[in-house]
Amino acid sequence: MSQILIQGLLLSGLYALISIGFTMIFSVGRVLNLAYGAYLMLGGYSYFWVVQSLGFPKIAGILVAVAVGILAGLLKHRLIVKPLKSDPVAVEISTLILAVVIQAGIVLVFNDSPKIMHPIVNGVWRVGGATVTYNILAATIASWVILIGLYHFVRRTHVGRAISAVSMDVKGAALSGINPDRINMITWGLSGALGAVAGVFFASYTQLSPSMWVAPLIIAVAVVIVGGIGSIIGTLIVAHIIGFMEIISTTLIAAELRGVFTMLLIITVLVLMPKGLFGRGEL
């Protein structure tokens, strides 16, 4: 039981980190960024290239991954989202196509064979009968630090409050002097950075592959659908629900069922509560 509790808490922290950038775009931009998983893939491969191919320190790899994520988010907003902003469906289809294009680019540069990324933090910790790697523990701590920092950023800074205002009412925010296009651009860049960091930890927890963007995208979509157009707190709560469901199903039932119960939860919520568990929220 202690193993399930500890592993559930740690995996949920990683899932929250994976989902928050996607939630921000959905809340502020009103679109499903289906290329979000590509942010994670770009972050993971950037880190791998800088640290394991070029031999630079791990902190340099993380910084490069963040820079790549920000650039990807900003370019996507400028070249795809802004020109198509009047048609959310076109934006979503375009972002999905972009993810496939990025996957093809990764195959060309790194080939299609999976790659094992070295742990960001080495070692294991044995607590309460459970064995925990320092790597997943570091991912969870980083997740909480980032989520707490993001929460205070949204609540206590001018830009953060503007992001929250746009997420609630675009027209009202514009009438109060906020430039929604500028806030959207900032949000897409911030989402790219968050996705890249999540990608580094996710790749170190699993492995690098050109198809690695699919699993975190499903997780992020699940969090948004189950929680509703949510908030930072809502993302955290739903990520823990899904994280514990996966740990319980794989530990007590069968590892092959990983993700199945998450899909069933999505279907159930869509049928019974189309607006999600928490309805319309604000960042």
C-alpha atoms as a PDB file:
ATOM      1  CA  MET A   1       0.000   0.000   0.000  1.00  0.00           C
ATOM      2  CA  SER A   2       2.855   2.390   0.808  1.00  0.00           C
ATOM      3  CA  GLN A   3       4.336   1.663  -2.618  1.00  0.00           C
ATOM      4  CA  ILE A   4       1.047   2.636  -4.296  1.00  0.00           C
ATOM      5  CA  LEU A   5       0.699   5.808  -2.199  1.00  0.00           C
ATOM      6  CA  ILE A   6       4.243   7.020  -2.800  1.00  0.00           C
ATOM      7  CA  GLN A   7       4.379   6.073  -6.473  1.00  0.00           C
ATOM      8  CA  GLY A   8       0.942   7.623  -7.009  1.00  0.00           C
ATOM      9  CA  LEU A   9       2.008  10.917  -5.458  1.00  0.00           C
ATOM     10  CA  LEU A  10       5.216  11.029  -7.487  1.00  0.00           C
ATOM     11  CA  LEU A  11       3.605  10.107 -10.817  1.00  0.00           C
ATOM     12  CA  SER A  12       0.780  12.580 -10.206  1.00  0.00           C
ATOM     13  CA  GLY A  13       3.282  15.385  -9.696  1.00  0.00           C
ATOM     14  CA  LEU A  14       4.863  14.579 -13.054  1.00  0.00           C
ATOM     15  CA  TYR A  15       1.427  14.457 -14.722  1.00  0.00           C
ATOM     16  CA  ALA A  16       0.548  17.856 -13.267  1.00  0.00           C
ATOM     17  CA  LEU A  17       3.741  19.304 -14.712  1.00  0.00           C
ATOM     18  CA  ILE A  18       2.956  17.721 -18.090  1.00  0.00           C
ATOM     19  CA  SER A  19      -0.595  19.098 -18.133  1.00  0.00           C
ATOM     20  CA  ILE A  20      -0.316  22.664 -16.882  1.00  0.00           C
ATOM     21  CA  GLY A  21       1.046  24.195 -20.090  1.00  0.00           C
ATOM     22  CA  PHE A  22      -1.714  22.542 -22.126  1.00  0.00           C
ATOM     23  CA  THR A  23      -4.325  23.767 -19.632  1.00  0.00           C
ATOM     24  CA  MET A  24      -3.080  27.351 -19.947  1.00  0.00           C
ATOM     25  CA  ILE A  25      -3.448  27.351 -23.735  1.00  0.00           C
ATOM     26  CA  PHE A  26      -6.903  25.796 -23.530  1.00  0.00           C
ATOM     27  CA  SER A  27      -8.025  28.309 -20.922  1.00  0.00           C
ATOM     28  CA  VAL A  28      -6.546  31.433 -22.540  1.00  0.00           C
ATOM     29  CA  GLY A  29      -6.537  30.605 -26.259  1.00  0.00           C
ATOM     30  CA  ARG A  30      -9.736  28.499 -26.293  1.00  0.00           C
ATOM     31  CA  VAL A  31      -8.082  25.850 -28.497  1.00  0.00           C
ATOM     32  CA  LEU A  32      -6.729  22.350 -28.015  1.00  0.00           C
ATOM     33  CA  ASN A  33      -3.024  22.607 -28.796  1.00  0.00           C
ATOM     34  CA  LEU A  34      -2.599  19.129 -30.268  1.00  0.00           C
ATOM     35  CA  ALA A  35       1.092  19.776 -30.885  1.00  0.00           C
ATOM     36  CA  TYR A  36       1.667  20.203 -27.146  1.00  0.00           C
ATOM     37  CA  GLY A  37       3.241  16.759 -26.875  1.00  0.00           C
ATOM     38  CA  ALA A  38       5.783  17.926 -29.450  1.00  0.00           C
ATOM     39  CA  TYR A  39       6.977  20.552 -26.946  1.00  0.00           C
ATOM     40  CA  LEU A  40       7.838  17.708 -24.592  1.00  0.00           C
ATOM     41  CA  MET A  41       9.546  15.767 -27.352  1.00  0.00           C
ATOM     42  CA  LEU A  42      11.600  18.791 -28.431  1.00  0.00           C
ATOM     43  CA  GLY A  43      12.558  19.452 -24.808  1.00  0.00           C
ATOM     44  CA  GLY A  44      13.641  15.857 -24.240  1.00  0.00           C
ATOM     45  CA  TYR A  45      15.666  15.597 -27.442  1.00  0.00           C
ATOM     46  CA  SER A  46      17.261  19.032 -26.926  1.00  0.00           C
ATOM     47  CA  TYR A  47      18.419  17.993 -23.465  1.00  0.00           C
ATOM     48  CA  PHE A  48      19.693  14.656 -24.790  1.00  0.00           C
ATOM     49  CA  TRP A  49      21.647  16.345 -27.585  1.00  0.00           C
ATOM     50  CA  VAL A  50      23.260  18.959 -25.335  1.00  0.00           C
ATOM     51  CA  VAL A  51      24.089  16.677 -22.394  1.00  0.00           C
ATOM     52  CA  GLN A  52      24.665  13.189 -23.797  1.00  0.00           C
ATOM     53  CA  SER A  53      25.825  14.029 -27.314  1.00  0.00           C
ATOM     54  CA  LEU A  54      27.812  17.222 -26.722  1.00  0.00           C
ATOM     55  CA  GLY A  55      28.807  16.565 -23.099  1.00  0.00           C
ATOM     56  CA  PHE A  56      27.607  19.845 -21.590  1.00  0.00           C
ATOM     57  CA  PRO A  57      26.366  20.054 -17.961  1.00  0.00           C
ATOM     58  CA  LYS A  58      22.779  19.049 -17.187  1.00  0.00           C
ATOM     59  CA  ILE A  59      21.765  22.610 -16.302  1.00  0.00           C
ATOM     60  CA  ALA A  60      22.855  23.696 -19.790  1.00  0.00           C
ATOM     61  CA  GLY A  61      20.672  20.964 -21.259  1.00  0.00           C
ATOM     62  CA  ILE A  62      17.644  22.161 -19.286  1.00  0.00           C
ATOM     63  CA  LEU A  63      18.232  25.791 -20.296  1.00  0.00           C
ATOM     64  CA  VAL A  64      18.550  24.863 -23.975  1.00  0.00           C
ATOM     65  CA  ALA A  65      15.391  22.726 -23.726  1.00  0.00           C
ATOM     66  CA  VAL A  66      13.476  25.666 -22.206  1.00  0.00           C
ATOM     67  CA  ALA A  67      14.751  28.016 -24.928  1.00  0.00           C
ATOM     68  CA  VAL A  68      13.691  25.560 -27.639  1.00  0.00           C
ATOM     69  CA  GLY A  69      10.261  25.180 -26.016  1.00  0.00           C
ATOM     70  CA  ILE A  70       9.721  28.949 -25.825  1.00  0.00           C
ATOM     71  CA  LEU A  71      10.802  29.380 -29.451  1.00  0.00           C
ATOM     72  CA  ALA A  72       8.479  26.573 -30.570  1.00  0.00           C
ATOM     73  CA  GLY A  73       5.546  28.124 -28.719  1.00  0.00           C
ATOM     74  CA  LEU A  74       6.173  31.631 -30.052  1.00  0.00           C
ATOM     75  CA  LEU A  75       6.652  30.476 -33.652  1.00  0.00           C
ATOM     76  CA  LYS A  76       3.509  28.372 -33.476  1.00  0.00           C
ATOM     77  CA  HIS A  77       1.522  31.345 -32.235  1.00  0.00           C
ATOM     78  CA  ARG A  78       2.948  33.708 -34.847  1.00  0.00           C
ATOM     79  CA  LEU A  79       2.808  31.424 -37.887  1.00  0.00           C
ATOM     80  CA  ILE A  80      -0.244  29.233 -37.199  1.00  0.00           C
ATOM     81  CA  VAL A  81      -2.435  30.390 -34.334  1.00  0.00           C
ATOM     82  CA  LYS A  82      -2.621  34.114 -35.050  1.00  0.00           C
ATOM     83  CA  PRO A  83      -3.448  33.804 -38.783  1.00  0.00           C
ATOM     84  CA  LEU A  84      -6.114  31.173 -38.033  1.00  0.00           C
ATOM     85  CA  LYS A  85      -7.438  32.589 -34.747  1.00  0.00           C
ATOM     86  CA  SER A  86     -10.959  33.014 -36.137  1.00  0.00           C
ATOM     87  CA  ASP A  87     -11.209  29.264 -36.777  1.00  0.00           C
ATOM     88  CA  PRO A  88     -10.312  27.160 -33.684  1.00  0.00           C
ATOM     89  CA  VAL A  89     -10.893  23.887 -35.567  1.00  0.00           C
ATOM     90  CA  ALA A  90      -8.359  24.901 -38.211  1.00  0.00           C
ATOM     91  CA  VAL A  91      -5.895  25.786 -35.452  1.00  0.00           C
ATOM     92  CA  GLU A  92      -6.322  22.396 -33.800  1.00  0.00           C
ATOM     93  CA  ILE A  93      -5.928  20.486 -37.063  1.00  0.00           C
ATOM     94  CA  SER A  94      -2.863  22.568 -37.958  1.00  0.00           C
ATOM     95  CA  THR A  95      -1.236  21.923 -34.592  1.00  0.00           C
ATOM     96  CA  LEU A  96      -1.772  18.178 -35.006  1.00  0.00           C
ATOM     97  CA  ILE A  97      -0.193  18.295 -38.460  1.00  0.00           C
ATOM     98  CA  LEU A  98       2.700  20.270 -36.991  1.00  0.00           C
ATOM     99  CA  ALA A  99       3.267  17.569 -34.372  1.00  0.00           C
ATOM    100  CA  VAL A 100       3.553  14.940 -37.115  1.00  0.00           C
ATOM    101  CA  VAL A 101       5.977  17.179 -39.035  1.00  0.00           C
ATOM    102  CA  ILE A 102       8.123  17.638 -35.928  1.00  0.00           C
ATOM    103  CA  GLN A 103       8.095  13.875 -35.385  1.00  0.00           C
ATOM    104  CA  ALA A 104       9.370  13.377 -38.942  1.00  0.00           C
ATOM    105  CA  GLY A 105      12.087  15.952 -38.297  1.00  0.00           C
ATOM    106  CA  ILE A 106      13.179  14.128 -35.144  1.00  0.00           C
ATOM    107  CA  VAL A 107      13.443  10.878 -37.131  1.00  0.00           C
ATOM    108  CA  LEU A 108      15.618  12.581 -39.754  1.00  0.00           C
ATOM    109  CA  VAL A 109      17.992  14.051 -37.176  1.00  0.00           C
ATOM    110  CA  PHE A 110      18.110  11.348 -34.499  1.00  0.00           C
ATOM    111  CA  ASN A 111      16.689   8.284 -36.404  1.00  0.00           C
ATOM    112  CA  ASP A 112      13.659   6.342 -35.156  1.00  0.00           C
ATOM    113  CA  SER A 113      15.324   4.076 -32.590  1.00  0.00           C
ATOM    114  CA  PRO A 114      14.399   4.706 -28.923  1.00  0.00           C
ATOM    115  CA  LYS A 115      17.094   6.285 -26.765  1.00  0.00           C
ATOM    116  CA  ILE A 116      17.655   5.922 -23.043  1.00  0.00           C
ATOM    117  CA  MET A 117      18.274   9.230 -21.337  1.00  0.00           C
ATOM    118  CA  HIS A 118      20.486   9.247 -18.272  1.00  0.00           C
ATOM    119  CA  PRO A 119      18.677  10.086 -15.018  1.00  0.00           C
ATOM    120  CA  ILE A 120      18.797  13.764 -14.161  1.00  0.00           C
ATOM    121  CA  VAL A 121      19.449  12.731 -10.548  1.00  0.00           C
ATOM    122  CA  ASN A 122      21.053   9.354  -9.819  1.00  0.00           C
ATOM    123  CA  GLY A 123      20.284   7.009  -6.935  1.00  0.00           C
ATOM    124  CA  VAL A 124      17.342   5.448  -5.126  1.00  0.00           C
ATOM    125  CA  TRP A 125      15.552   6.165  -1.864  1.00  0.00           C
ATOM    126  CA  ARG A 126      13.884   3.476   0.222  1.00  0.00           C
ATOM    127  CA  VAL A 127      11.062   4.746   2.384  1.00  0.00           C
ATOM    128  CA  GLY A 128       8.134   2.950   4.026  1.00  0.00           C
ATOM    129  CA  GLY A 129       8.822  -0.275   2.178  1.00  0.00           C
ATOM    130  CA  ALA A 130       8.833   1.522  -1.167  1.00  0.00           C
ATOM    131  CA  THR A 131      11.769   2.101  -3.478  1.00  0.00           C
ATOM    132  CA  VAL A 132      11.813   5.474  -5.188  1.00  0.00           C
ATOM    133  CA  THR A 133      14.360   6.759  -7.675  1.00  0.00           C
ATOM    134  CA  TYR A 134      15.795  10.174  -6.959  1.00  0.00           C
ATOM    135  CA  ASN A 135      14.999  11.001 -10.584  1.00  0.00           C
ATOM    136  CA  ILE A 136      11.201  10.758 -10.224  1.00  0.00           C
ATOM    137  CA  LEU A 137      11.479  12.439  -6.820  1.00  0.00           C
ATOM    138  CA  ALA A 138      13.343  15.340  -8.461  1.00  0.00           C
ATOM    139  CA  ALA A 139      10.664  15.508 -11.152  1.00  0.00           C
ATOM    140  CA  THR A 140       7.943  15.734  -8.503  1.00  0.00           C
ATOM    141  CA  ILE A 141       9.777  18.417  -6.523  1.00  0.00           C
ATOM    142  CA  ALA A 142      10.400  20.406  -9.714  1.00  0.00           C
ATOM    143  CA  SER A 143       6.716  20.043 -10.576  1.00  0.00           C
ATOM    144  CA  TRP A 144       5.577  21.434  -7.239  1.00  0.00           C
ATOM    145  CA  VAL A 145       8.095  24.286  -7.337  1.00  0.00           C
ATOM    146  CA  ILE A 146       7.014  25.240 -10.867  1.00  0.00           C
ATOM    147  CA  LEU A 147       3.297  24.945 -10.105  1.00  0.00           C
ATOM    148  CA  ILE A 148       3.570  27.015  -6.916  1.00  0.00           C
ATOM    149  CA  GLY A 149       5.686  29.594  -8.727  1.00  0.00           C
ATOM    150  CA  LEU A 150       3.204  29.705 -11.617  1.00  0.00           C
ATOM    151  CA  TYR A 151       0.280  30.088  -9.204  1.00  0.00           C
ATOM    152  CA  HIS A 152       1.915  33.099  -7.532  1.00  0.00           C
ATOM    153  CA  PHE A 153       2.922  34.503 -10.934  1.00  0.00           C
ATOM    154  CA  VAL A 154      -0.698  34.394 -12.140  1.00  0.00           C
ATOM    155  CA  ARG A 155      -2.087  35.806  -8.902  1.00  0.00           C
ATOM    156  CA  ARG A 156       0.492  38.484  -8.016  1.00  0.00           C
ATOM    157  CA  THR A 157       2.028  39.907 -11.183  1.00  0.00           C
ATOM    158  CA  HIS A 158       0.550  42.283 -13.725  1.00  0.00           C
ATOM    159  CA  VAL A 159       1.160  39.891 -16.629  1.00  0.00           C
ATOM    160  CA  GLY A 160      -0.166  36.942 -14.634  1.00  0.00           C
ATOM    161  CA  ARG A 161      -3.372  38.776 -13.727  1.00  0.00           C
ATOM    162  CA  ALA A 162      -3.762  39.760 -17.383  1.00  0.00           C
ATOM    163  CA  ILE A 163      -3.461  36.091 -18.379  1.00  0.00           C
ATOM    164  CA  SER A 164      -6.130  35.211 -15.814  1.00  0.00           C
ATOM    165  CA  ALA A 165      -8.388  38.018 -17.073  1.00  0.00           C
ATOM    166  CA  VAL A 166      -8.130  36.853 -20.695  1.00  0.00           C
ATOM    167  CA  SER A 167      -8.890  33.283 -19.591  1.00  0.00           C
ATOM    168  CA  MET A 168     -12.142  34.533 -18.015  1.00  0.00           C
ATOM    169  CA  ASP A 169     -13.370  37.029 -20.602  1.00  0.00           C
ATOM    170  CA  VAL A 170     -11.429  38.093 -23.697  1.00  0.00           C
ATOM    171  CA  LYS A 171     -13.684  41.022 -24.573  1.00  0.00           C
ATOM    172  CA  GLY A 172     -13.823  42.260 -20.990  1.00  0.00           C
ATOM    173  CA  ALA A 173     -10.036  42.051 -20.724  1.00  0.00           C
ATOM    174  CA  ALA A 174      -9.653  44.028 -23.967  1.00  0.00           C
ATOM    175  CA  LEU A 175     -12.040  46.727 -22.713  1.00  0.00           C
ATOM    176  CA  SER A 176      -9.922  47.088 -19.572  1.00  0.00           C
ATOM    177  CA  GLY A 177      -6.827  47.861 -21.638  1.00  0.00           C
ATOM    178  CA  ILE A 178      -5.283  44.393 -21.929  1.00  0.00           C
ATOM    179  CA  ASN A 179      -3.957  43.334 -25.335  1.00  0.00           C
ATOM    180  CA  PRO A 180      -5.307  39.773 -25.809  1.00  0.00           C
ATOM    181  CA  ASP A 181      -2.925  39.044 -28.731  1.00  0.00           C
ATOM    182  CA  ARG A 182       0.100  39.928 -26.603  1.00  0.00           C
ATOM    183  CA  ILE A 183      -1.180  37.844 -23.698  1.00  0.00           C
ATOM    184  CA  ASN A 184      -1.837  34.911 -26.020  1.00  0.00           C
ATOM    185  CA  MET A 185       1.712  35.179 -27.361  1.00  0.00           C
ATOM    186  CA  ILE A 186       3.153  35.205 -23.829  1.00  0.00           C
ATOM    187  CA  THR A 187       0.971  32.235 -22.869  1.00  0.00           C
ATOM    188  CA  TRP A 188       2.092  30.189 -25.881  1.00  0.00           C
ATOM    189  CA  GLY A 189       5.736  30.920 -25.067  1.00  0.00           C
ATOM    190  CA  LEU A 190       5.223  30.038 -21.407  1.00  0.00           C
ATOM    191  CA  SER A 191       3.390  26.859 -22.393  1.00  0.00           C
ATOM    192  CA  GLY A 192       6.318  25.874 -24.594  1.00  0.00           C
ATOM    193  CA  ALA A 193       8.753  26.374 -21.712  1.00  0.00           C
ATOM    194  CA  LEU A 194       6.624  24.339 -19.311  1.00  0.00           C
ATOM    195  CA  GLY A 195       6.187  21.579 -21.878  1.00  0.00           C
ATOM    196  CA  ALA A 196       9.937  21.422 -22.562  1.00  0.00           C
ATOM    197  CA  VAL A 197      10.784  21.074 -18.864  1.00  0.00           C
ATOM    198  CA  ALA A 198       8.116  18.398 -18.488  1.00  0.00           C
ATOM    199  CA  GLY A 199       9.574  16.646 -21.524  1.00  0.00           C
ATOM    200  CA  VAL A 200      13.025  16.444 -19.968  1.00  0.00           C
ATOM    201  CA  PHE A 201      11.666  14.774 -16.842  1.00  0.00           C
ATOM    202  CA  PHE A 202       9.194  12.592 -18.758  1.00  0.00           C
ATOM    203  CA  ALA A 203      11.943  11.320 -21.081  1.00  0.00           C
ATOM    204  CA  SER A 204      14.214  10.554 -18.135  1.00  0.00           C
ATOM    205  CA  TYR A 205      11.316   8.626 -16.547  1.00  0.00           C
ATOM    206  CA  THR A 206      10.473   6.668 -19.717  1.00  0.00           C
ATOM    207  CA  GLN A 207      12.619   6.951 -22.844  1.00  0.00           C
ATOM    208  CA  LEU A 208      13.154   9.123 -25.892  1.00  0.00           C
ATOM    209  CA  SER A 209      11.424   8.135 -29.111  1.00  0.00           C
ATOM    210  CA  PRO A 210       9.850   9.988 -32.052  1.00  0.00           C
ATOM    211  CA  SER A 211       6.405   8.868 -30.878  1.00  0.00           C
ATOM    212  CA  MET A 212       6.867   9.949 -27.261  1.00  0.00           C
ATOM    213  CA  TRP A 213       4.703  13.030 -27.805  1.00  0.00           C
ATOM    214  CA  VAL A 214       1.481  10.979 -27.977  1.00  0.00           C
ATOM    215  CA  ALA A 215       1.314   9.696 -24.372  1.00  0.00           C
ATOM    216  CA  PRO A 216       1.780  13.092 -22.646  1.00  0.00           C
ATOM    217  CA  LEU A 217      -0.706  14.675 -25.062  1.00  0.00           C
ATOM    218  CA  ILE A 218      -3.311  12.086 -24.025  1.00  0.00           C
ATOM    219  CA  ILE A 219      -2.552  12.799 -20.364  1.00  0.00           C
ATOM    220  CA  ALA A 220      -2.938  16.555 -20.890  1.00  0.00           C
ATOM    221  CA  VAL A 221      -6.181  16.154 -22.848  1.00  0.00           C
ATOM    222  CA  ALA A 222      -7.518  13.854 -20.123  1.00  0.00           C
ATOM    223  CA  VAL A 223      -6.748  16.405 -17.419  1.00  0.00           C
ATOM    224  CA  VAL A 224      -8.521  19.192 -19.331  1.00  0.00           C
ATOM    225  CA  ILE A 225     -11.588  17.084 -20.193  1.00  0.00           C
ATOM    226  CA  VAL A 226     -11.992  15.578 -16.738  1.00  0.00           C
ATOM    227  CA  GLY A 227     -11.321  18.832 -14.902  1.00  0.00           C
ATOM    228  CA  GLY A 228     -13.034  21.211 -17.305  1.00  0.00           C
ATOM    229  CA  ILE A 229     -11.499  24.392 -18.716  1.00  0.00           C
ATOM    230  CA  GLY A 230      -9.634  24.539 -15.488  1.00  0.00           C
ATOM    231  CA  SER A 231      -7.136  26.264 -13.295  1.00  0.00           C
ATOM    232  CA  ILE A 232      -3.753  25.493 -11.819  1.00  0.00           C
ATOM    233  CA  ILE A 233      -5.406  24.004  -8.737  1.00  0.00           C
ATOM    234  CA  GLY A 234      -7.875  22.040 -10.864  1.00  0.00           C
ATOM    235  CA  THR A 235      -5.048  20.670 -12.993  1.00  0.00           C
ATOM    236  CA  LEU A 236      -3.230  19.551  -9.858  1.00  0.00           C
ATOM    237  CA  ILE A 237      -6.305  17.763  -8.484  1.00  0.00           C
ATOM    238  CA  VAL A 238      -7.198  15.960 -11.721  1.00  0.00           C
ATOM    239  CA  ALA A 239      -3.563  15.009 -12.389  1.00  0.00           C
ATOM    240  CA  HIS A 240      -3.545  13.269  -9.005  1.00  0.00           C
ATOM    241  CA  ILE A 241      -6.806  11.465  -9.775  1.00  0.00           C
ATOM    242  CA  ILE A 242      -5.408  10.158 -13.059  1.00  0.00           C
ATOM    243  CA  GLY A 243      -1.966   9.412 -11.601  1.00  0.00           C
ATOM    244  CA  PHE A 244      -3.397   7.289  -8.800  1.00  0.00           C
ATOM    245  CA  MET A 245      -5.791   5.526 -11.188  1.00  0.00           C
ATOM    246  CA  GLU A 246      -2.848   4.477 -13.358  1.00  0.00           C
ATOM    247  CA  ILE A 247      -0.707   3.301 -10.440  1.00  0.00           C
ATOM    248  CA  ILE A 248      -3.579   1.324  -8.892  1.00  0.00           C
ATOM    249  CA  SER A 249      -4.594  -0.276 -12.200  1.00  0.00           C
ATOM    250  CA  THR A 250      -1.038  -1.273 -13.157  1.00  0.00           C
ATOM    251  CA  THR A 251      -0.077  -2.445  -9.652  1.00  0.00           C
ATOM    252  CA  LEU A 252      -3.210  -4.297  -8.585  1.00  0.00           C
ATOM    253  CA  ILE A 253      -4.683  -5.403 -11.915  1.00  0.00           C
ATOM    254  CA  ALA A 254      -2.348  -5.544 -14.933  1.00  0.00           C
ATOM    255  CA  ALA A 255       0.388  -3.355 -16.374  1.00  0.00           C
ATOM    256  CA  GLU A 256      -1.174  -3.795 -19.823  1.00  0.00           C
ATOM    257  CA  LEU A 257      -4.189  -1.798 -18.645  1.00  0.00           C
ATOM    258  CA  ARG A 258      -2.130   1.365 -18.137  1.00  0.00           C
ATOM    259  CA  GLY A 259      -4.166   4.197 -19.590  1.00  0.00           C
ATOM    260  CA  VAL A 260      -7.336   2.155 -20.139  1.00  0.00           C
ATOM    261  CA  PHE A 261      -9.049   3.420 -17.007  1.00  0.00           C
ATOM    262  CA  THR A 262      -8.040   6.965 -17.903  1.00  0.00           C
ATOM    263  CA  MET A 263      -9.831   6.576 -21.247  1.00  0.00           C
ATOM    264  CA  LEU A 264     -12.888   5.147 -19.486  1.00  0.00           C
ATOM    265  CA  LEU A 265     -12.845   8.108 -17.093  1.00  0.00           C
ATOM    266  CA  ILE A 266     -12.772  10.543 -20.025  1.00  0.00           C
ATOM    267  CA  ILE A 267     -15.746   8.832 -21.700  1.00  0.00           C
ATOM    268  CA  THR A 268     -17.706   8.768 -18.438  1.00  0.00           C
ATOM    269  CA  VAL A 269     -17.106  12.449 -17.734  1.00  0.00           C
ATOM    270  CA  LEU A 270     -17.997  13.431 -21.317  1.00  0.00           C
ATOM    271  CA  VAL A 271     -21.310  11.557 -21.030  1.00  0.00           C
ATOM    272  CA  LEU A 272     -22.304  12.586 -17.516  1.00  0.00           C
ATOM    273  CA  MET A 273     -20.551  15.940 -17.025  1.00  0.00           C
ATOM    274  CA  PRO A 274     -19.629  17.515 -20.384  1.00  0.00           C
ATOM    275  CA  LYS A 275     -18.154  20.584 -18.649  1.00  0.00           C
ATOM    276  CA  GLY A 276     -15.862  18.440 -16.498  1.00  0.00           C
ATOM    277  CA  LEU A 277     -15.700  17.852 -12.771  1.00  0.00           C
ATOM    278  CA  PHE A 278     -14.997  21.517 -11.976  1.00  0.00           C
ATOM    279  CA  GLY A 279     -16.778  23.247 -14.859  1.00  0.00           C
ATOM    280  CA  ARG A 280     -15.473  26.530 -16.271  1.00  0.00           C
ATOM    281  CA  GLY A 281     -12.554  27.783 -14.262  1.00  0.00           C
ATOM    282  CA  GLU A 282      -9.982  30.528 -14.344  1.00  0.00           C
ATOM    283  CA  LEU A 283      -6.214  30.364 -14.136  1.00  0.00           C
END
